[in-house]
N, C-alpha and C. Protein backbone atom coordinates (compact mmCIF):
# COMPACT_ATOMS: atom_id res chain seq x y z
N MET A 1 43.04 -23.50 -3.16
CA MET A 1 42.72 -22.11 -3.02
C MET A 1 43.36 -21.53 -1.76
N THR A 2 44.56 -21.86 -1.55
CA THR A 2 45.28 -21.29 -0.41
C THR A 2 45.94 -20.01 -0.84
N GLU A 3 46.04 -19.11 0.10
CA GLU A 3 46.66 -17.82 -0.18
C GLU A 3 48.14 -17.91 0.13
N ALA A 4 48.97 -17.46 -0.81
CA ALA A 4 50.41 -17.44 -0.57
C ALA A 4 50.74 -16.25 0.31
N ALA A 5 51.90 -16.27 0.89
CA ALA A 5 52.31 -15.17 1.79
C ALA A 5 52.41 -13.88 1.00
N GLY A 6 51.72 -12.85 1.46
CA GLY A 6 51.77 -11.55 0.81
C GLY A 6 50.75 -11.37 -0.31
N GLU A 7 50.09 -12.43 -0.72
CA GLU A 7 49.08 -12.32 -1.77
C GLU A 7 47.69 -12.31 -1.15
N GLY A 8 46.80 -11.57 -1.75
CA GLY A 8 45.42 -11.54 -1.28
C GLY A 8 44.63 -12.67 -1.88
N PRO A 9 43.38 -12.79 -1.53
CA PRO A 9 42.54 -13.84 -2.10
C PRO A 9 42.31 -13.58 -3.59
N ASP A 10 42.06 -14.63 -4.34
CA ASP A 10 41.84 -14.45 -5.77
C ASP A 10 40.43 -13.92 -6.02
N TYR A 11 40.16 -13.59 -7.28
CA TYR A 11 38.90 -12.94 -7.63
C TYR A 11 37.69 -13.84 -7.41
N SER A 12 37.83 -15.11 -7.63
CA SER A 12 36.68 -16.00 -7.44
C SER A 12 36.27 -16.05 -5.97
N THR A 13 37.25 -16.02 -5.08
CA THR A 13 36.93 -16.01 -3.64
C THR A 13 36.23 -14.71 -3.27
N LEU A 14 36.76 -13.59 -3.77
CA LEU A 14 36.14 -12.29 -3.47
C LEU A 14 34.73 -12.21 -4.04
N PHE A 15 34.56 -12.72 -5.26
CA PHE A 15 33.23 -12.70 -5.87
C PHE A 15 32.25 -13.57 -5.09
N GLY A 16 32.71 -14.71 -4.61
CA GLY A 16 31.87 -15.57 -3.78
C GLY A 16 31.46 -14.89 -2.49
N ARG A 17 32.40 -14.16 -1.89
CA ARG A 17 32.06 -13.42 -0.66
C ARG A 17 31.03 -12.32 -0.93
N VAL A 18 31.20 -11.63 -2.07
CA VAL A 18 30.25 -10.57 -2.43
C VAL A 18 28.86 -11.16 -2.62
N LEU A 19 28.78 -12.30 -3.30
CA LEU A 19 27.48 -12.93 -3.50
C LEU A 19 26.84 -13.34 -2.18
N LYS A 20 27.63 -13.92 -1.29
CA LYS A 20 27.09 -14.32 0.02
C LYS A 20 26.64 -13.11 0.82
N ASP A 21 27.44 -12.04 0.79
CA ASP A 21 27.05 -10.82 1.50
C ASP A 21 25.78 -10.21 0.91
N GLY A 22 25.68 -10.24 -0.41
CA GLY A 22 24.47 -9.73 -1.06
C GLY A 22 23.25 -10.54 -0.70
N GLU A 23 23.42 -11.85 -0.64
CA GLU A 23 22.29 -12.72 -0.26
C GLU A 23 21.87 -12.46 1.18
N ARG A 24 22.83 -12.33 2.08
CA ARG A 24 22.50 -12.04 3.47
C ARG A 24 21.82 -10.68 3.60
N PHE A 25 22.30 -9.69 2.83
CA PHE A 25 21.68 -8.37 2.85
C PHE A 25 20.24 -8.43 2.36
N ALA A 26 20.00 -9.15 1.27
CA ALA A 26 18.64 -9.26 0.73
C ALA A 26 17.71 -9.97 1.72
N LYS A 27 18.20 -11.03 2.35
CA LYS A 27 17.37 -11.73 3.34
C LYS A 27 17.07 -10.84 4.54
N ALA A 28 18.06 -10.06 4.97
CA ALA A 28 17.82 -9.14 6.09
C ALA A 28 16.82 -8.06 5.71
N ARG A 29 16.89 -7.59 4.46
CA ARG A 29 15.95 -6.57 4.00
C ARG A 29 14.53 -7.13 3.96
N ILE A 30 14.39 -8.36 3.50
CA ILE A 30 13.08 -9.00 3.46
C ILE A 30 12.53 -9.18 4.87
N LYS A 31 13.38 -9.59 5.80
CA LYS A 31 12.94 -9.75 7.19
C LYS A 31 12.51 -8.41 7.77
N LEU A 32 13.23 -7.34 7.41
CA LEU A 32 12.87 -6.00 7.89
C LEU A 32 11.50 -5.60 7.37
N TYR A 33 11.25 -5.78 6.07
CA TYR A 33 9.95 -5.42 5.51
C TYR A 33 8.83 -6.27 6.10
N ARG A 34 9.10 -7.54 6.32
CA ARG A 34 8.10 -8.42 6.92
C ARG A 34 7.77 -7.95 8.34
N ALA A 35 8.82 -7.62 9.11
CA ALA A 35 8.60 -7.14 10.48
C ALA A 35 7.82 -5.82 10.48
N LEU A 36 8.15 -4.91 9.55
CA LEU A 36 7.41 -3.65 9.47
C LEU A 36 5.95 -3.89 9.09
N ALA A 37 5.72 -4.81 8.16
CA ALA A 37 4.33 -5.10 7.76
C ALA A 37 3.54 -5.70 8.91
N TYR A 38 4.12 -6.67 9.62
CA TYR A 38 3.42 -7.25 10.77
C TYR A 38 3.16 -6.21 11.85
N TYR A 39 4.12 -5.33 12.07
CA TYR A 39 3.95 -4.29 13.07
C TYR A 39 2.81 -3.35 12.69
N ARG A 40 2.80 -2.94 11.42
CA ARG A 40 1.75 -2.01 10.98
C ARG A 40 0.38 -2.69 10.95
N PHE A 41 0.33 -3.95 10.53
CA PHE A 41 -0.95 -4.66 10.56
C PHE A 41 -1.43 -4.85 11.99
N GLY A 42 -0.51 -5.08 12.90
CA GLY A 42 -0.88 -5.20 14.31
C GLY A 42 -1.45 -3.92 14.87
N GLN A 43 -0.86 -2.80 14.46
CA GLN A 43 -1.37 -1.51 14.91
C GLN A 43 -2.73 -1.21 14.31
N ALA A 44 -2.97 -1.64 13.07
CA ALA A 44 -4.19 -1.29 12.36
C ALA A 44 -5.33 -2.28 12.59
N ARG A 45 -5.10 -3.35 13.35
CA ARG A 45 -6.13 -4.38 13.50
C ARG A 45 -7.40 -3.83 14.16
N GLY A 46 -7.28 -3.10 15.24
CA GLY A 46 -8.46 -2.56 15.93
C GLY A 46 -9.24 -1.59 15.05
N PRO A 47 -8.56 -0.58 14.47
CA PRO A 47 -9.31 0.33 13.58
C PRO A 47 -9.91 -0.36 12.37
N LEU A 48 -9.24 -1.37 11.82
CA LEU A 48 -9.82 -2.08 10.68
C LEU A 48 -11.09 -2.83 11.07
N LEU A 49 -11.11 -3.41 12.25
CA LEU A 49 -12.33 -4.09 12.71
C LEU A 49 -13.46 -3.09 12.89
N LEU A 50 -13.13 -1.91 13.41
CA LEU A 50 -14.16 -0.87 13.55
C LEU A 50 -14.67 -0.40 12.19
N PHE A 51 -13.76 -0.28 11.20
CA PHE A 51 -14.19 0.09 9.86
C PHE A 51 -15.09 -0.97 9.25
N LEU A 52 -14.78 -2.25 9.49
CA LEU A 52 -15.63 -3.32 8.98
C LEU A 52 -17.02 -3.28 9.62
N ALA A 53 -17.07 -3.03 10.93
CA ALA A 53 -18.36 -2.92 11.60
C ALA A 53 -19.15 -1.73 11.08
N ALA A 54 -18.45 -0.60 10.87
CA ALA A 54 -19.13 0.59 10.33
C ALA A 54 -19.65 0.31 8.93
N GLY A 55 -18.87 -0.41 8.12
CA GLY A 55 -19.32 -0.76 6.77
C GLY A 55 -20.54 -1.66 6.80
N ALA A 56 -20.56 -2.63 7.72
CA ALA A 56 -21.72 -3.52 7.82
C ALA A 56 -22.97 -2.74 8.21
N PHE A 57 -22.84 -1.83 9.17
CA PHE A 57 -24.00 -1.02 9.56
C PHE A 57 -24.42 -0.08 8.43
N ALA A 58 -23.47 0.46 7.68
CA ALA A 58 -23.81 1.33 6.55
C ALA A 58 -24.54 0.56 5.46
N ILE A 59 -24.11 -0.66 5.19
CA ILE A 59 -24.80 -1.48 4.19
C ILE A 59 -26.22 -1.80 4.66
N GLY A 60 -26.37 -2.15 5.93
CA GLY A 60 -27.71 -2.43 6.46
C GLY A 60 -28.61 -1.21 6.39
N ALA A 61 -28.07 -0.04 6.73
CA ALA A 61 -28.87 1.19 6.66
C ALA A 61 -29.25 1.51 5.22
N THR A 62 -28.34 1.29 4.29
CA THR A 62 -28.63 1.56 2.89
C THR A 62 -29.71 0.62 2.35
N VAL A 63 -29.63 -0.63 2.73
CA VAL A 63 -30.65 -1.59 2.29
C VAL A 63 -32.02 -1.21 2.85
N SER A 64 -32.06 -0.83 4.12
CA SER A 64 -33.35 -0.44 4.69
C SER A 64 -33.89 0.82 4.04
N LEU A 65 -33.01 1.76 3.69
CA LEU A 65 -33.46 2.97 2.99
C LEU A 65 -34.01 2.62 1.62
N LEU A 66 -33.31 1.73 0.91
CA LEU A 66 -33.77 1.36 -0.43
C LEU A 66 -35.09 0.60 -0.38
N VAL A 67 -35.27 -0.26 0.61
CA VAL A 67 -36.55 -0.96 0.77
C VAL A 67 -37.66 0.04 1.07
N GLY A 68 -37.38 1.01 1.92
CA GLY A 68 -38.37 2.04 2.21
C GLY A 68 -38.72 2.86 0.98
N LEU A 69 -37.71 3.17 0.15
CA LEU A 69 -37.99 3.91 -1.08
C LEU A 69 -38.83 3.09 -2.04
N VAL A 70 -38.56 1.80 -2.14
CA VAL A 70 -39.36 0.94 -3.02
C VAL A 70 -40.80 0.90 -2.53
N ILE A 71 -40.99 0.75 -1.23
CA ILE A 71 -42.36 0.72 -0.68
C ILE A 71 -43.07 2.04 -0.92
N TRP A 72 -42.35 3.14 -0.75
CA TRP A 72 -42.95 4.46 -0.94
C TRP A 72 -43.31 4.69 -2.41
N LEU A 73 -42.35 4.32 -3.31
CA LEU A 73 -42.62 4.53 -4.73
C LEU A 73 -43.66 3.54 -5.28
N SER A 74 -43.77 2.36 -4.68
CA SER A 74 -44.73 1.37 -5.19
C SER A 74 -46.16 1.88 -5.06
N ALA A 75 -46.43 2.73 -4.08
CA ALA A 75 -47.77 3.29 -3.95
C ALA A 75 -48.06 4.26 -5.10
N MET A 76 -47.00 4.88 -5.66
CA MET A 76 -47.20 5.87 -6.73
C MET A 76 -47.11 5.26 -8.13
N ILE A 77 -46.08 4.43 -8.39
CA ILE A 77 -45.87 3.95 -9.76
C ILE A 77 -45.94 2.42 -9.88
N GLY A 78 -46.21 1.72 -8.83
CA GLY A 78 -46.30 0.27 -8.88
C GLY A 78 -45.02 -0.37 -8.35
N GLY A 79 -45.15 -1.61 -7.92
CA GLY A 79 -44.04 -2.30 -7.28
C GLY A 79 -42.87 -2.60 -8.20
N LEU A 80 -43.16 -3.11 -9.41
CA LEU A 80 -42.08 -3.47 -10.33
C LEU A 80 -41.34 -2.22 -10.82
N ALA A 81 -42.08 -1.20 -11.17
CA ALA A 81 -41.46 0.04 -11.64
C ALA A 81 -40.63 0.69 -10.53
N ALA A 82 -41.11 0.62 -9.30
CA ALA A 82 -40.36 1.19 -8.18
C ALA A 82 -39.07 0.41 -7.95
N GLY A 83 -39.13 -0.92 -8.03
CA GLY A 83 -37.93 -1.73 -7.88
C GLY A 83 -36.90 -1.45 -8.96
N ILE A 84 -37.38 -1.31 -10.21
CA ILE A 84 -36.47 -1.01 -11.32
C ILE A 84 -35.87 0.38 -11.16
N ALA A 85 -36.66 1.35 -10.75
CA ALA A 85 -36.16 2.72 -10.58
C ALA A 85 -35.09 2.77 -9.50
N ILE A 86 -35.31 2.12 -8.39
CA ILE A 86 -34.32 2.11 -7.31
C ILE A 86 -33.08 1.33 -7.73
N PHE A 87 -33.26 0.25 -8.50
CA PHE A 87 -32.12 -0.52 -8.99
C PHE A 87 -31.24 0.32 -9.90
N VAL A 88 -31.85 1.05 -10.84
CA VAL A 88 -31.10 1.89 -11.77
C VAL A 88 -30.39 3.02 -11.01
N ALA A 89 -31.09 3.63 -10.07
CA ALA A 89 -30.47 4.71 -9.29
C ALA A 89 -29.30 4.18 -8.46
N GLY A 90 -29.46 2.99 -7.89
CA GLY A 90 -28.37 2.40 -7.11
C GLY A 90 -27.17 2.07 -7.97
N LEU A 91 -27.41 1.53 -9.18
CA LEU A 91 -26.30 1.26 -10.09
C LEU A 91 -25.60 2.55 -10.53
N ALA A 92 -26.36 3.61 -10.75
CA ALA A 92 -25.75 4.89 -11.14
C ALA A 92 -24.86 5.43 -10.02
N ILE A 93 -25.35 5.35 -8.80
CA ILE A 93 -24.55 5.82 -7.66
C ILE A 93 -23.30 4.96 -7.49
N ALA A 94 -23.44 3.63 -7.63
CA ALA A 94 -22.29 2.73 -7.52
C ALA A 94 -21.28 3.01 -8.62
N GLY A 95 -21.75 3.23 -9.83
CA GLY A 95 -20.86 3.55 -10.94
C GLY A 95 -20.12 4.86 -10.72
N LEU A 96 -20.83 5.86 -10.22
CA LEU A 96 -20.20 7.15 -9.93
C LEU A 96 -19.14 7.01 -8.84
N CYS A 97 -19.45 6.28 -7.80
CA CYS A 97 -18.47 6.05 -6.73
C CYS A 97 -17.25 5.29 -7.25
N GLY A 98 -17.47 4.28 -8.08
CA GLY A 98 -16.36 3.52 -8.66
C GLY A 98 -15.50 4.38 -9.57
N TRP A 99 -16.14 5.22 -10.37
CA TRP A 99 -15.40 6.10 -11.27
C TRP A 99 -14.56 7.10 -10.49
N ILE A 100 -15.13 7.70 -9.45
CA ILE A 100 -14.37 8.64 -8.62
C ILE A 100 -13.24 7.91 -7.91
N GLY A 101 -13.51 6.70 -7.44
CA GLY A 101 -12.48 5.92 -6.77
C GLY A 101 -11.32 5.58 -7.70
N MET A 102 -11.62 5.24 -8.95
CA MET A 102 -10.55 4.93 -9.90
C MET A 102 -9.74 6.17 -10.25
N ARG A 103 -10.39 7.31 -10.35
CA ARG A 103 -9.65 8.54 -10.69
C ARG A 103 -8.78 9.03 -9.54
N THR A 104 -9.16 8.73 -8.31
CA THR A 104 -8.39 9.21 -7.17
C THR A 104 -7.47 8.15 -6.59
N MET A 105 -7.35 6.99 -7.25
CA MET A 105 -6.49 5.91 -6.76
C MET A 105 -5.03 6.35 -6.83
N PRO A 106 -4.30 6.23 -5.72
CA PRO A 106 -2.88 6.62 -5.76
C PRO A 106 -2.05 5.60 -6.52
N ASP A 107 -0.84 6.02 -6.91
CA ASP A 107 0.09 5.14 -7.60
C ASP A 107 0.68 4.17 -6.58
N LEU A 108 0.41 2.89 -6.76
CA LEU A 108 0.85 1.89 -5.79
C LEU A 108 2.14 1.20 -6.22
N THR A 109 2.82 1.76 -7.22
CA THR A 109 4.06 1.14 -7.68
C THR A 109 5.28 1.65 -6.95
N GLU A 110 5.12 2.61 -6.04
CA GLU A 110 6.25 3.14 -5.31
C GLU A 110 6.71 2.15 -4.25
N LEU A 111 7.88 2.43 -3.68
CA LEU A 111 8.41 1.54 -2.65
C LEU A 111 7.49 1.52 -1.44
N PRO A 112 7.30 0.36 -0.82
CA PRO A 112 6.49 0.33 0.40
C PRO A 112 7.24 0.99 1.54
N PHE A 113 6.51 1.60 2.39
CA PHE A 113 7.05 2.22 3.60
C PHE A 113 8.06 3.30 3.28
N GLU A 114 7.89 4.04 2.19
CA GLU A 114 8.90 5.02 1.85
C GLU A 114 8.88 6.23 2.79
N ASP A 115 7.86 6.34 3.63
CA ASP A 115 7.85 7.42 4.59
C ASP A 115 8.66 7.09 5.84
N ASP A 116 9.18 5.87 5.92
CA ASP A 116 9.98 5.49 7.06
C ASP A 116 11.36 6.13 6.99
N ASP A 117 11.98 6.34 8.14
CA ASP A 117 13.32 6.91 8.18
C ASP A 117 14.37 5.88 7.84
N ILE A 118 14.01 4.62 7.82
CA ILE A 118 14.98 3.56 7.55
C ILE A 118 15.42 3.60 6.10
N ILE A 119 14.50 3.87 5.21
CA ILE A 119 14.80 3.84 3.79
C ILE A 119 15.21 5.24 3.35
N ARG A 120 16.33 5.32 2.70
CA ARG A 120 16.83 6.59 2.21
C ARG A 120 16.97 6.49 0.69
N THR A 121 16.58 7.55 0.01
CA THR A 121 16.74 7.56 -1.44
C THR A 121 18.17 7.91 -1.79
N SER A 122 18.54 7.64 -3.02
CA SER A 122 19.91 7.94 -3.44
C SER A 122 20.15 9.44 -3.45
N ASP A 123 19.12 10.25 -3.73
CA ASP A 123 19.30 11.70 -3.71
C ASP A 123 19.65 12.18 -2.31
N HIS A 124 18.99 11.59 -1.31
CA HIS A 124 19.25 11.98 0.07
C HIS A 124 20.68 11.63 0.48
N LEU A 125 21.16 10.47 0.02
CA LEU A 125 22.53 10.06 0.35
C LEU A 125 23.55 10.97 -0.32
N VAL A 126 23.27 11.39 -1.56
CA VAL A 126 24.19 12.29 -2.26
C VAL A 126 24.25 13.63 -1.53
N GLU A 127 23.10 14.13 -1.07
CA GLU A 127 23.08 15.39 -0.33
C GLU A 127 23.87 15.26 0.96
N GLN A 128 23.72 14.13 1.65
CA GLN A 128 24.46 13.93 2.90
C GLN A 128 25.96 13.87 2.64
N GLN A 129 26.38 13.16 1.61
CA GLN A 129 27.80 13.02 1.31
C GLN A 129 28.41 14.34 0.90
N SER A 130 27.68 15.11 0.07
CA SER A 130 28.24 16.39 -0.37
C SER A 130 28.28 17.39 0.77
N ALA A 131 27.30 17.33 1.67
CA ALA A 131 27.29 18.23 2.82
C ALA A 131 28.44 17.86 3.77
N ALA A 132 28.72 16.57 3.89
CA ALA A 132 29.81 16.13 4.76
C ALA A 132 31.15 16.55 4.16
N ALA A 133 31.26 16.59 2.84
CA ALA A 133 32.49 16.99 2.20
C ALA A 133 32.64 18.50 2.13
N GLY A 134 31.59 19.23 2.53
CA GLY A 134 31.64 20.70 2.52
C GLY A 134 31.29 21.31 1.20
N GLU A 135 30.72 20.54 0.29
CA GLU A 135 30.35 21.05 -1.02
C GLU A 135 28.98 21.71 -0.93
N SER A 136 28.71 22.61 -1.84
CA SER A 136 27.43 23.27 -1.89
C SER A 136 26.45 22.37 -2.63
N THR A 137 25.23 22.26 -2.12
CA THR A 137 24.22 21.41 -2.76
C THR A 137 23.33 22.23 -3.70
N ILE A 138 23.63 23.50 -3.89
CA ILE A 138 22.82 24.34 -4.79
C ILE A 138 23.30 24.10 -6.21
N LEU A 139 22.36 23.76 -7.09
CA LEU A 139 22.69 23.52 -8.49
C LEU A 139 22.42 24.72 -9.32
């Protein structure tokens, strides 16, 4: 596979170089996304711990409220009926919250970190190239 004087490399050599360059590019892209994820997780660690603590306190407060409601209702309708009533009401509220959560769930199939300046869409690149060439971008 030596190159003769004046001749370029053959197609198999060029194709091999393209494959190696593509592999290096893919590995660099993976390292970039990994670094961005670690950076963002590092930034969010403190607030996430605070959210977990807030959730634990909210669950404790909810349990104490429900126990108080059962005690209050047990004086009126009996202990078993009060427990069942609070159980059904709690399931209804949980179901409503789950239903609202499912309806408002964003589409998670988009590219990660697409709000970053590093990632550019093909439309953005076309606009940049046409603006650099002096073409009008109005369709």
